[in-house]
Amino acid sequence: MLEAHGFAGGGRYDAKATAGGVTAWLPLRAEKPGHLAGLTNWYSFAIRPLYEGSGDRAAALAALFGDLRKRAARVSLYPVRDGDRAAIRSALRTAGWWLTASPAGDRHWLDLSDMDHDRWWASRPGALRSTVRRKAKKGIVDIELSTRFDAANWAAYEDIYAASWKPEEGDPALLRAFAEAESARGTFRMGLARIEGAPVAAQFWTVEDGTAFIHKLAHVEDSLKASPGTLLSAALFRHVIEVDGVKRVDFGTGNDAYKRDWMNRHEPLWRIEAFNPSRIAAWGPASKAFVRSMLGKDT
């Protein structure tokens, strides 16, 4: 889908290698000649290898990066989650790449572990719980949750987004295509909040493999006193926990303060830059990267 909407840069390349009974893939794009980057954009939650088979994943990933040395002088990966960073760095080093890794963003997520909805909700800040209780009691905001894409509801979301504090949507056609595809897969979740019949808040989530992913949320600024966005979030959290049975909720990239009210985990997102020492074209960028590292900007 990213390729179809023009995010493959100078071309898509799916790196692939098999070793130790495992096949590893990594979707990449040509940033410029000799420079490959992760096939991601601003909607992406993470870039990480994909695996098939049971066996030695480390060997498969090292083989993948070894093959990439024949094609590229440099590889850039962002956003890399904290839990994936060590495996990627180890495989790159095993394959002979020079590399730096620097924190370049934030991720907030909810780990429910053995908590049900009520136990999780009781662990949230008192101010948040009080707001939901008081605003819900007033009965001003009507909440609608849906699991199938609806064109009218999506149009309402787009109107809300345009009237919100959010910057202009990066690629509305891609986002809609993604929502329609997720609806066909059965993973689509959407919430709309209305006041006197007028849509004032909307959120787009997906649910997959025990995790709910929060993709988009927005509310109309002049509806803030009724807290429609907060009530909508509370309803969606309840649905994905009690109905979908998720064990994690991922708020994506960004360090917005309100995310801490809902989530109980925070970690950095990493940018990994790898340089091929056998390519002269990599030496200059590598030198600059290592200088930044010595100045404490990379780790």
C-alpha atoms as a PDB file:
ATOM      1  CA  MET A   1       0.000   0.000   0.000  1.00  0.00           C
ATOM      2  CA  LEU A   2       2.855   2.392   0.779  1.00  0.00           C
ATOM      3  CA  GLU A   3       4.383   1.558  -2.585  1.00  0.00           C
ATOM      4  CA  ALA A   4       1.066   2.145  -4.381  1.00  0.00           C
ATOM      5  CA  HIS A   5       0.741   5.580  -2.779  1.00  0.00           C
ATOM      6  CA  GLY A   6       4.213   6.748  -3.710  1.00  0.00           C
ATOM      7  CA  PHE A   7       6.184   6.069  -0.524  1.00  0.00           C
ATOM      8  CA  ALA A   8       8.695   3.663  -2.080  1.00  0.00           C
ATOM      9  CA  GLY A   9      11.053   6.504  -3.014  1.00  0.00           C
ATOM     10  CA  GLY A  10      13.297   5.367  -5.858  1.00  0.00           C
ATOM     11  CA  GLY A  11      11.869   1.853  -5.759  1.00  0.00           C
ATOM     12  CA  ARG A  12      10.917  -0.920  -3.384  1.00  0.00           C
ATOM     13  CA  TYR A  13      13.287  -3.705  -2.388  1.00  0.00           C
ATOM     14  CA  ASP A  14      12.236  -6.572  -0.120  1.00  0.00           C
ATOM     15  CA  ALA A  15      15.433  -7.915   1.427  1.00  0.00           C
ATOM     16  CA  LYS A  16      15.221 -11.669   2.061  1.00  0.00           C
ATOM     17  CA  ALA A  17      17.511 -14.414   3.334  1.00  0.00           C
ATOM     18  CA  THR A  18      17.197 -17.936   4.735  1.00  0.00           C
ATOM     19  CA  ALA A  19      19.467 -19.497   7.370  1.00  0.00           C
ATOM     20  CA  GLY A  20      19.062 -21.756  10.370  1.00  0.00           C
ATOM     21  CA  GLY A  21      15.627 -22.958   9.238  1.00  0.00           C
ATOM     22  CA  VAL A  22      14.226 -19.411   9.176  1.00  0.00           C
ATOM     23  CA  THR A  23      13.503 -16.955   6.358  1.00  0.00           C
ATOM     24  CA  ALA A  24      13.813 -13.264   7.240  1.00  0.00           C
ATOM     25  CA  TRP A  25      12.335 -10.354   5.256  1.00  0.00           C
ATOM     26  CA  LEU A  26      12.781  -6.613   5.596  1.00  0.00           C
ATOM     27  CA  PRO A  27      10.767  -4.191   3.412  1.00  0.00           C
ATOM     28  CA  LEU A  28      12.976  -1.375   2.131  1.00  0.00           C
ATOM     29  CA  ARG A  29      12.935   1.514  -0.324  1.00  0.00           C
ATOM     30  CA  ALA A  30      15.655   3.248  -2.312  1.00  0.00           C
ATOM     31  CA  GLU A  31      16.310   6.566  -0.576  1.00  0.00           C
ATOM     32  CA  LYS A  32      18.978   7.455  -3.147  1.00  0.00           C
ATOM     33  CA  PRO A  33      21.552   5.422  -5.109  1.00  0.00           C
ATOM     34  CA  GLY A  34      23.323   3.120  -2.670  1.00  0.00           C
ATOM     35  CA  HIS A  35      21.113   4.175   0.267  1.00  0.00           C
ATOM     36  CA  LEU A  36      18.251   1.921   1.383  1.00  0.00           C
ATOM     37  CA  ALA A  37      15.739   2.866   4.097  1.00  0.00           C
ATOM     38  CA  GLY A  38      12.832   1.148   5.795  1.00  0.00           C
ATOM     39  CA  LEU A  39       9.604   1.166   3.792  1.00  0.00           C
ATOM     40  CA  THR A  40       7.748   3.380   6.269  1.00  0.00           C
ATOM     41  CA  ASN A  41       6.072   6.784   6.501  1.00  0.00           C
ATOM     42  CA  TRP A  42       4.650   9.016   9.241  1.00  0.00           C
ATOM     43  CA  TYR A  43       1.744   6.612   9.884  1.00  0.00           C
ATOM     44  CA  SER A  44       4.112   3.712  10.655  1.00  0.00           C
ATOM     45  CA  PHE A  45       4.324   2.364  14.192  1.00  0.00           C
ATOM     46  CA  ALA A  46       7.597   0.491  13.630  1.00  0.00           C
ATOM     47  CA  ILE A  47       9.952  -1.179  11.174  1.00  0.00           C
ATOM     48  CA  ARG A  48      11.145  -4.660  12.054  1.00  0.00           C
ATOM     49  CA  PRO A  49      12.129  -7.897  10.314  1.00  0.00           C
ATOM     50  CA  LEU A  50       9.450 -10.440   9.439  1.00  0.00           C
ATOM     51  CA  TYR A  51      10.161 -14.150   9.914  1.00  0.00           C
ATOM     52  CA  GLU A  52       8.865 -17.477   8.667  1.00  0.00           C
ATOM     53  CA  GLY A  53       9.832 -20.856  10.100  1.00  0.00           C
ATOM     54  CA  SER A  54      11.168 -21.964  13.456  1.00  0.00           C
ATOM     55  CA  GLY A  55      14.858 -21.884  14.138  1.00  0.00           C
ATOM     56  CA  ASP A  56      17.716 -19.416  14.337  1.00  0.00           C
ATOM     57  CA  ARG A  57      16.269 -15.971  13.627  1.00  0.00           C
ATOM     58  CA  ALA A  58      19.577 -14.278  14.418  1.00  0.00           C
ATOM     59  CA  ALA A  59      21.333 -16.276  11.689  1.00  0.00           C
ATOM     60  CA  ALA A  60      18.630 -15.451   9.147  1.00  0.00           C
ATOM     61  CA  LEU A  61      18.759 -11.733   9.924  1.00  0.00           C
ATOM     62  CA  ALA A  62      22.563 -11.671   9.794  1.00  0.00           C
ATOM     63  CA  ALA A  63      22.394 -13.405   6.395  1.00  0.00           C
ATOM     64  CA  LEU A  64      19.892 -10.794   5.197  1.00  0.00           C
ATOM     65  CA  PHE A  65      22.170  -7.924   6.188  1.00  0.00           C
ATOM     66  CA  GLY A  66      25.144  -9.777   4.707  1.00  0.00           C
ATOM     67  CA  ASP A  67      23.357  -9.956   1.352  1.00  0.00           C
ATOM     68  CA  LEU A  68      22.494  -6.253   1.606  1.00  0.00           C
ATOM     69  CA  ARG A  69      26.219  -5.376   1.612  1.00  0.00           C
ATOM     70  CA  LYS A  70      26.233  -6.376  -2.065  1.00  0.00           C
ATOM     71  CA  ARG A  71      23.513  -3.799  -2.821  1.00  0.00           C
ATOM     72  CA  ALA A  72      23.962  -0.792  -0.553  1.00  0.00           C
ATOM     73  CA  ALA A  73      26.486   1.514   1.050  1.00  0.00           C
ATOM     74  CA  ARG A  74      24.034   2.626   3.734  1.00  0.00           C
ATOM     75  CA  VAL A  75      20.841   1.387   5.412  1.00  0.00           C
ATOM     76  CA  SER A  76      18.569   3.593   7.549  1.00  0.00           C
ATOM     77  CA  LEU A  77      15.848   2.148   9.780  1.00  0.00           C
ATOM     78  CA  TYR A  78      13.258   4.190  11.705  1.00  0.00           C
ATOM     79  CA  PRO A  79      11.196   3.805  13.864  1.00  0.00           C
ATOM     80  CA  VAL A  80      12.777   0.794  15.584  1.00  0.00           C
ATOM     81  CA  ARG A  81      11.203  -0.324  18.855  1.00  0.00           C
ATOM     82  CA  ASP A  82      13.355  -0.853  21.907  1.00  0.00           C
ATOM     83  CA  GLY A  83      12.578  -4.570  21.904  1.00  0.00           C
ATOM     84  CA  ASP A  84      13.790  -5.006  18.311  1.00  0.00           C
ATOM     85  CA  ARG A  85      16.899  -2.823  18.543  1.00  0.00           C
ATOM     86  CA  ALA A  86      19.326  -5.357  20.034  1.00  0.00           C
ATOM     87  CA  ALA A  87      18.574  -8.076  17.470  1.00  0.00           C
ATOM     88  CA  ILE A  88      18.939  -5.676  14.535  1.00  0.00           C
ATOM     89  CA  ARG A  89      22.179  -4.176  15.851  1.00  0.00           C
ATOM     90  CA  SER A  90      23.659  -7.611  16.547  1.00  0.00           C
ATOM     91  CA  ALA A  91      22.771  -8.903  13.084  1.00  0.00           C
ATOM     92  CA  LEU A  92      24.225  -5.805  11.395  1.00  0.00           C
ATOM     93  CA  ARG A  93      27.482  -6.144  13.303  1.00  0.00           C
ATOM     94  CA  THR A  94      27.687  -9.869  12.564  1.00  0.00           C
ATOM     95  CA  ALA A  95      27.272  -9.022   8.879  1.00  0.00           C
ATOM     96  CA  GLY A  96      30.130  -6.496   9.061  1.00  0.00           C
ATOM     97  CA  TRP A  97      28.286  -3.148   9.018  1.00  0.00           C
ATOM     98  CA  TRP A  98      29.382  -0.060  10.932  1.00  0.00           C
ATOM     99  CA  LEU A  99      26.412   1.429  12.734  1.00  0.00           C
ATOM    100  CA  THR A 100      25.014   3.995  15.129  1.00  0.00           C
ATOM    101  CA  ALA A 101      21.704   3.912  16.984  1.00  0.00           C
ATOM    102  CA  SER A 102      20.105   7.059  18.360  1.00  0.00           C
ATOM    103  CA  PRO A 103      16.840   7.699  20.237  1.00  0.00           C
ATOM    104  CA  ALA A 104      14.620   9.617  17.819  1.00  0.00           C
ATOM    105  CA  GLY A 105      11.108   9.461  19.202  1.00  0.00           C
ATOM    106  CA  ASP A 106       8.830   7.998  21.841  1.00  0.00           C
ATOM    107  CA  ARG A 107       6.302   5.211  22.133  1.00  0.00           C
ATOM    108  CA  HIS A 108       3.578   4.906  24.780  1.00  0.00           C
ATOM    109  CA  TRP A 109       1.750   1.624  25.170  1.00  0.00           C
ATOM    110  CA  LEU A 110      -0.435  -0.280  27.595  1.00  0.00           C
ATOM    111  CA  ASP A 111       0.609  -3.681  28.909  1.00  0.00           C
ATOM    112  CA  LEU A 112      -2.466  -5.226  30.509  1.00  0.00           C
ATOM    113  CA  SER A 113      -0.699  -8.399  31.623  1.00  0.00           C
ATOM    114  CA  ASP A 114      -3.328 -10.161  33.782  1.00  0.00           C
ATOM    115  CA  MET A 115      -5.496  -7.051  34.338  1.00  0.00           C
ATOM    116  CA  ASP A 116      -9.103  -6.938  33.185  1.00  0.00           C
ATOM    117  CA  HIS A 117     -10.712  -3.664  32.170  1.00  0.00           C
ATOM    118  CA  ASP A 118     -11.843  -2.695  35.670  1.00  0.00           C
ATOM    119  CA  ARG A 119      -8.436  -3.313  37.254  1.00  0.00           C
ATOM    120  CA  TRP A 120      -6.722  -1.315  34.537  1.00  0.00           C
ATOM    121  CA  TRP A 121      -9.219   1.537  34.871  1.00  0.00           C
ATOM    122  CA  ALA A 122      -8.732   1.643  38.628  1.00  0.00           C
ATOM    123  CA  SER A 123      -5.006   2.144  38.013  1.00  0.00           C
ATOM    124  CA  ARG A 124      -5.535   5.277  35.925  1.00  0.00           C
ATOM    125  CA  PRO A 125      -5.154   8.803  37.339  1.00  0.00           C
ATOM    126  CA  GLY A 126      -8.028   9.947  39.511  1.00  0.00           C
ATOM    127  CA  ALA A 127      -8.530  13.118  37.445  1.00  0.00           C
ATOM    128  CA  LEU A 128      -9.097  11.069  34.297  1.00  0.00           C
ATOM    129  CA  ARG A 129     -11.561   8.705  35.986  1.00  0.00           C
ATOM    130  CA  SER A 130     -13.410  11.642  37.524  1.00  0.00           C
ATOM    131  CA  THR A 131     -13.696  13.397  34.156  1.00  0.00           C
ATOM    132  CA  VAL A 132     -15.161  10.313  32.474  1.00  0.00           C
ATOM    133  CA  ARG A 133     -17.600   9.737  35.330  1.00  0.00           C
ATOM    134  CA  ARG A 134     -18.833  13.339  35.457  1.00  0.00           C
ATOM    135  CA  LYS A 135     -19.094  13.926  31.724  1.00  0.00           C
ATOM    136  CA  ALA A 136     -20.777  10.584  31.039  1.00  0.00           C
ATOM    137  CA  LYS A 137     -23.336  11.280  33.767  1.00  0.00           C
ATOM    138  CA  LYS A 138     -24.414  14.484  32.023  1.00  0.00           C
ATOM    139  CA  GLY A 139     -25.486  12.495  28.979  1.00  0.00           C
ATOM    140  CA  ILE A 140     -24.498  15.231  26.517  1.00  0.00           C
ATOM    141  CA  VAL A 141     -22.229  13.056  24.372  1.00  0.00           C
ATOM    142  CA  ASP A 142     -23.539  10.108  22.328  1.00  0.00           C
ATOM    143  CA  ILE A 143     -20.994   7.419  21.456  1.00  0.00           C
ATOM    144  CA  GLU A 144     -21.115   5.122  18.415  1.00  0.00           C
ATOM    145  CA  LEU A 145     -18.600   2.313  17.892  1.00  0.00           C
ATOM    146  CA  SER A 146     -18.305   0.408  14.626  1.00  0.00           C
ATOM    147  CA  THR A 147     -16.248  -2.507  13.325  1.00  0.00           C
ATOM    148  CA  ARG A 148     -16.940  -1.927   9.616  1.00  0.00           C
ATOM    149  CA  PHE A 149     -15.922   0.941   7.383  1.00  0.00           C
ATOM    150  CA  ASP A 150     -18.792   3.304   6.606  1.00  0.00           C
ATOM    151  CA  ALA A 151     -18.346   6.104   4.067  1.00  0.00           C
ATOM    152  CA  ALA A 152     -20.589   8.543   5.941  1.00  0.00           C
ATOM    153  CA  ASN A 153     -18.780   7.951   9.222  1.00  0.00           C
ATOM    154  CA  TRP A 154     -15.425   8.382   7.499  1.00  0.00           C
ATOM    155  CA  ALA A 155     -16.577  11.657   5.970  1.00  0.00           C
ATOM    156  CA  ALA A 156     -17.567  12.786   9.473  1.00  0.00           C
ATOM    157  CA  TYR A 157     -14.095  11.850  10.719  1.00  0.00           C
ATOM    158  CA  GLU A 158     -12.479  13.899   7.944  1.00  0.00           C
ATOM    159  CA  ASP A 159     -14.664  16.909   8.804  1.00  0.00           C
ATOM    160  CA  ILE A 160     -13.760  16.586  12.485  1.00  0.00           C
ATOM    161  CA  TYR A 161     -10.065  16.299  11.690  1.00  0.00           C
ATOM    162  CA  ALA A 162     -10.224  19.416   9.509  1.00  0.00           C
ATOM    163  CA  ALA A 163     -11.850  21.354  12.383  1.00  0.00           C
ATOM    164  CA  SER A 164      -9.435  20.054  15.030  1.00  0.00           C
ATOM    165  CA  TRP A 165      -6.071  21.240  16.333  1.00  0.00           C
ATOM    166  CA  LYS A 166      -4.310  18.677  14.139  1.00  0.00           C
ATOM    167  CA  PRO A 167      -2.058  19.683  11.225  1.00  0.00           C
ATOM    168  CA  GLU A 168      -3.182  18.972   7.686  1.00  0.00           C
ATOM    169  CA  GLU A 169      -3.564  15.239   7.023  1.00  0.00           C
ATOM    170  CA  GLY A 170      -0.431  13.840   5.420  1.00  0.00           C
ATOM    171  CA  ASP A 171      -2.094  11.505   2.926  1.00  0.00           C
ATOM    172  CA  PRO A 172      -5.872  11.176   3.354  1.00  0.00           C
ATOM    173  CA  ALA A 173      -6.217   8.825   0.363  1.00  0.00           C
ATOM    174  CA  LEU A 174      -3.699   6.378   1.850  1.00  0.00           C
ATOM    175  CA  LEU A 175      -5.349   6.553   5.271  1.00  0.00           C
ATOM    176  CA  ARG A 176      -8.791   5.828   3.822  1.00  0.00           C
ATOM    177  CA  ALA A 177      -7.448   2.958   1.711  1.00  0.00           C
ATOM    178  CA  PHE A 178      -5.832   1.505   4.832  1.00  0.00           C
ATOM    179  CA  ALA A 179      -9.084   1.821   6.804  1.00  0.00           C
ATOM    180  CA  GLU A 180     -11.065   0.105   4.044  1.00  0.00           C
ATOM    181  CA  ALA A 181      -8.521  -2.707   3.841  1.00  0.00           C
ATOM    182  CA  GLU A 182      -8.570  -3.233   7.610  1.00  0.00           C
ATOM    183  CA  SER A 183     -12.367  -3.328   7.538  1.00  0.00           C
ATOM    184  CA  ALA A 184     -12.222  -6.116   4.956  1.00  0.00           C
ATOM    185  CA  ARG A 185      -9.818  -8.008   7.248  1.00  0.00           C
ATOM    186  CA  GLY A 186     -12.098  -7.563  10.259  1.00  0.00           C
ATOM    187  CA  THR A 187      -9.574  -5.548  12.276  1.00  0.00           C
ATOM    188  CA  PHE A 188     -11.165  -2.095  11.841  1.00  0.00           C
ATOM    189  CA  ARG A 189     -12.493  -0.233  14.892  1.00  0.00           C
ATOM    190  CA  MET A 190     -13.914   3.291  14.791  1.00  0.00           C
ATOM    191  CA  GLY A 191     -15.599   5.549  17.294  1.00  0.00           C
ATOM    192  CA  LEU A 192     -17.680   8.672  16.729  1.00  0.00           C
ATOM    193  CA  ALA A 193     -18.906  11.053  19.414  1.00  0.00           C
ATOM    194  CA  ARG A 194     -21.862  13.347  18.726  1.00  0.00           C
ATOM    195  CA  ILE A 195     -23.441  16.252  20.564  1.00  0.00           C
ATOM    196  CA  GLU A 196     -27.045  16.947  19.549  1.00  0.00           C
ATOM    197  CA  GLY A 197     -26.487  14.820  16.466  1.00  0.00           C
ATOM    198  CA  ALA A 198     -23.386  16.674  15.276  1.00  0.00           C
ATOM    199  CA  PRO A 199     -20.118  14.665  15.095  1.00  0.00           C
ATOM    200  CA  VAL A 200     -17.514  16.272  17.359  1.00  0.00           C
ATOM    201  CA  ALA A 201     -14.866  13.569  17.948  1.00  0.00           C
ATOM    202  CA  ALA A 202     -13.600  10.537  16.057  1.00  0.00           C
ATOM    203  CA  GLN A 203     -10.983   7.830  16.482  1.00  0.00           C
ATOM    204  CA  PHE A 204      -9.645   5.121  14.169  1.00  0.00           C
ATOM    205  CA  TRP A 205      -8.115   1.981  15.712  1.00  0.00           C
ATOM    206  CA  THR A 206      -7.235  -1.514  14.506  1.00  0.00           C
ATOM    207  CA  VAL A 207      -6.987  -4.780  16.443  1.00  0.00           C
ATOM    208  CA  GLU A 208      -4.617  -7.607  15.562  1.00  0.00           C
ATOM    209  CA  ASP A 209      -2.729 -10.399  17.363  1.00  0.00           C
ATOM    210  CA  GLY A 210      -3.870  -9.309  20.799  1.00  0.00           C
ATOM    211  CA  THR A 211      -2.900  -5.647  20.311  1.00  0.00           C
ATOM    212  CA  ALA A 212      -5.071  -2.606  19.633  1.00  0.00           C
ATOM    213  CA  PHE A 213      -3.350   0.119  17.589  1.00  0.00           C
ATOM    214  CA  ILE A 214      -4.542   3.724  17.891  1.00  0.00           C
ATOM    215  CA  HIS A 215      -3.997   5.323  14.493  1.00  0.00           C
ATOM    216  CA  LYS A 216      -5.923   8.590  14.469  1.00  0.00           C
ATOM    217  CA  LEU A 217      -7.943  10.694  16.894  1.00  0.00           C
ATOM    218  CA  ALA A 218      -9.362  14.187  16.680  1.00  0.00           C
ATOM    219  CA  HIS A 219     -12.053  16.382  18.165  1.00  0.00           C
ATOM    220  CA  VAL A 220     -13.648  19.710  17.306  1.00  0.00           C
ATOM    221  CA  GLU A 221     -12.056  22.424  19.423  1.00  0.00           C
ATOM    222  CA  ASP A 222     -15.252  24.117  20.616  1.00  0.00           C
ATOM    223  CA  SER A 223     -16.570  20.814  22.010  1.00  0.00           C
ATOM    224  CA  LEU A 224     -13.711  20.469  24.493  1.00  0.00           C
ATOM    225  CA  LYS A 225     -15.751  21.284  27.609  1.00  0.00           C
ATOM    226  CA  ALA A 226     -17.892  18.181  27.074  1.00  0.00           C
ATOM    227  CA  SER A 227     -14.746  15.999  26.811  1.00  0.00           C
ATOM    228  CA  PRO A 228     -16.035  13.953  23.836  1.00  0.00           C
ATOM    229  CA  GLY A 229     -12.566  12.698  22.951  1.00  0.00           C
ATOM    230  CA  THR A 230     -11.965  11.428  26.480  1.00  0.00           C
ATOM    231  CA  LEU A 231     -15.350   9.678  26.609  1.00  0.00           C
ATOM    232  CA  LEU A 232     -14.695   8.149  23.198  1.00  0.00           C
ATOM    233  CA  SER A 233     -11.307   6.846  24.283  1.00  0.00           C
ATOM    234  CA  ALA A 234     -12.837   5.302  27.406  1.00  0.00           C
ATOM    235  CA  ALA A 235     -15.472   3.527  25.299  1.00  0.00           C
ATOM    236  CA  LEU A 236     -12.924   2.187  22.817  1.00  0.00           C
ATOM    237  CA  PHE A 237     -10.573   0.983  25.547  1.00  0.00           C
ATOM    238  CA  ARG A 238     -13.470  -0.886  27.148  1.00  0.00           C
ATOM    239  CA  HIS A 239     -14.461  -2.441  23.821  1.00  0.00           C
ATOM    240  CA  VAL A 240     -11.001  -3.668  22.789  1.00  0.00           C
ATOM    241  CA  ILE A 241     -10.281  -5.034  26.276  1.00  0.00           C
ATOM    242  CA  GLU A 242     -13.632  -6.658  27.047  1.00  0.00           C
ATOM    243  CA  VAL A 243     -14.867  -7.611  23.562  1.00  0.00           C
ATOM    244  CA  ASP A 244     -11.683  -8.067  21.529  1.00  0.00           C
ATOM    245  CA  GLY A 245      -9.668  -9.392  24.467  1.00  0.00           C
ATOM    246  CA  VAL A 246      -6.469  -7.488  23.694  1.00  0.00           C
ATOM    247  CA  LYS A 247      -3.522  -7.574  26.066  1.00  0.00           C
ATOM    248  CA  ARG A 248      -1.798  -4.481  24.674  1.00  0.00           C
ATOM    249  CA  VAL A 249      -2.807  -1.083  23.353  1.00  0.00           C
ATOM    250  CA  ASP A 250      -0.242   0.823  21.289  1.00  0.00           C
ATOM    251  CA  PHE A 251      -0.511   4.626  21.035  1.00  0.00           C
ATOM    252  CA  GLY A 252       2.057   4.810  18.244  1.00  0.00           C
ATOM    253  CA  THR A 253       4.757   7.438  17.940  1.00  0.00           C
ATOM    254  CA  GLY A 254       4.838  10.693  19.876  1.00  0.00           C
ATOM    255  CA  ASN A 255       5.284  11.859  23.444  1.00  0.00           C
ATOM    256  CA  ASP A 256       2.022  13.776  23.964  1.00  0.00           C
ATOM    257  CA  ALA A 257       1.387  14.262  27.681  1.00  0.00           C
ATOM    258  CA  TYR A 258      -2.193  12.915  27.581  1.00  0.00           C
ATOM    259  CA  LYS A 259      -0.943   9.478  26.491  1.00  0.00           C
ATOM    260  CA  ARG A 260       0.539   8.898  29.950  1.00  0.00           C
ATOM    261  CA  ASP A 261      -2.959   9.010  31.463  1.00  0.00           C
ATOM    262  CA  TRP A 262      -4.007   5.951  29.458  1.00  0.00           C
ATOM    263  CA  MET A 263      -0.786   3.946  29.161  1.00  0.00           C
ATOM    264  CA  ASN A 264       1.544   2.301  31.651  1.00  0.00           C
ATOM    265  CA  ARG A 265       4.651   1.798  29.510  1.00  0.00           C
ATOM    266  CA  HIS A 266       6.973   4.216  27.735  1.00  0.00           C
ATOM    267  CA  GLU A 267      10.129   3.595  25.715  1.00  0.00           C
ATOM    268  CA  PRO A 268      12.238   5.375  23.106  1.00  0.00           C
ATOM    269  CA  LEU A 269      12.033   4.694  19.401  1.00  0.00           C
ATOM    270  CA  TRP A 270      15.386   4.345  17.671  1.00  0.00           C
ATOM    271  CA  ARG A 271      16.961   5.386  14.399  1.00  0.00           C
ATOM    272  CA  ILE A 272      19.585   2.918  13.234  1.00  0.00           C
ATOM    273  CA  GLU A 273      22.090   4.015  10.583  1.00  0.00           C
ATOM    274  CA  ALA A 274      24.306   1.309   9.108  1.00  0.00           C
ATOM    275  CA  PHE A 275      27.323   1.904   6.845  1.00  0.00           C
ATOM    276  CA  ASN A 276      29.040  -0.589   4.581  1.00  0.00           C
ATOM    277  CA  PRO A 277      32.825  -0.324   5.155  1.00  0.00           C
ATOM    278  CA  SER A 278      33.538  -1.905   1.773  1.00  0.00           C
ATOM    279  CA  ARG A 279      31.907   1.068  -0.028  1.00  0.00           C
ATOM    280  CA  ILE A 280      33.866   4.328  -0.200  1.00  0.00           C
ATOM    281  CA  ALA A 281      30.561   6.201  -0.538  1.00  0.00           C
ATOM    282  CA  ALA A 282      29.725   5.178   3.045  1.00  0.00           C
ATOM    283  CA  TRP A 283      32.877   6.573   4.662  1.00  0.00           C
ATOM    284  CA  GLY A 284      31.884  10.242   4.695  1.00  0.00           C
ATOM    285  CA  PRO A 285      28.366   9.743   6.143  1.00  0.00           C
ATOM    286  CA  ALA A 286      29.787   7.195   8.594  1.00  0.00           C
ATOM    287  CA  SER A 287      32.413   9.652   9.842  1.00  0.00           C
ATOM    288  CA  LYS A 288      29.777  12.309  10.465  1.00  0.00           C
ATOM    289  CA  ALA A 289      27.574   9.777  12.279  1.00  0.00           C
ATOM    290  CA  PHE A 290      30.408   8.650  14.546  1.00  0.00           C
ATOM    291  CA  VAL A 291      31.320  12.251  15.384  1.00  0.00           C
ATOM    292  CA  ARG A 292      27.721  12.786  16.510  1.00  0.00           C
ATOM    293  CA  SER A 293      28.057   9.604  18.549  1.00  0.00           C
ATOM    294  CA  MET A 294      31.194  10.848  20.301  1.00  0.00           C
ATOM    295  CA  LEU A 295      29.385  14.095  21.106  1.00  0.00           C
ATOM    296  CA  GLY A 296      26.755  12.052  22.906  1.00  0.00           C
ATOM    297  CA  LYS A 297      23.973  12.490  20.385  1.00  0.00           C
ATOM    298  CA  ASP A 298      23.991   8.816  19.374  1.00  0.00           C
ATOM    299  CA  THR A 299      24.461   5.615  21.332  1.00  0.00           C
END
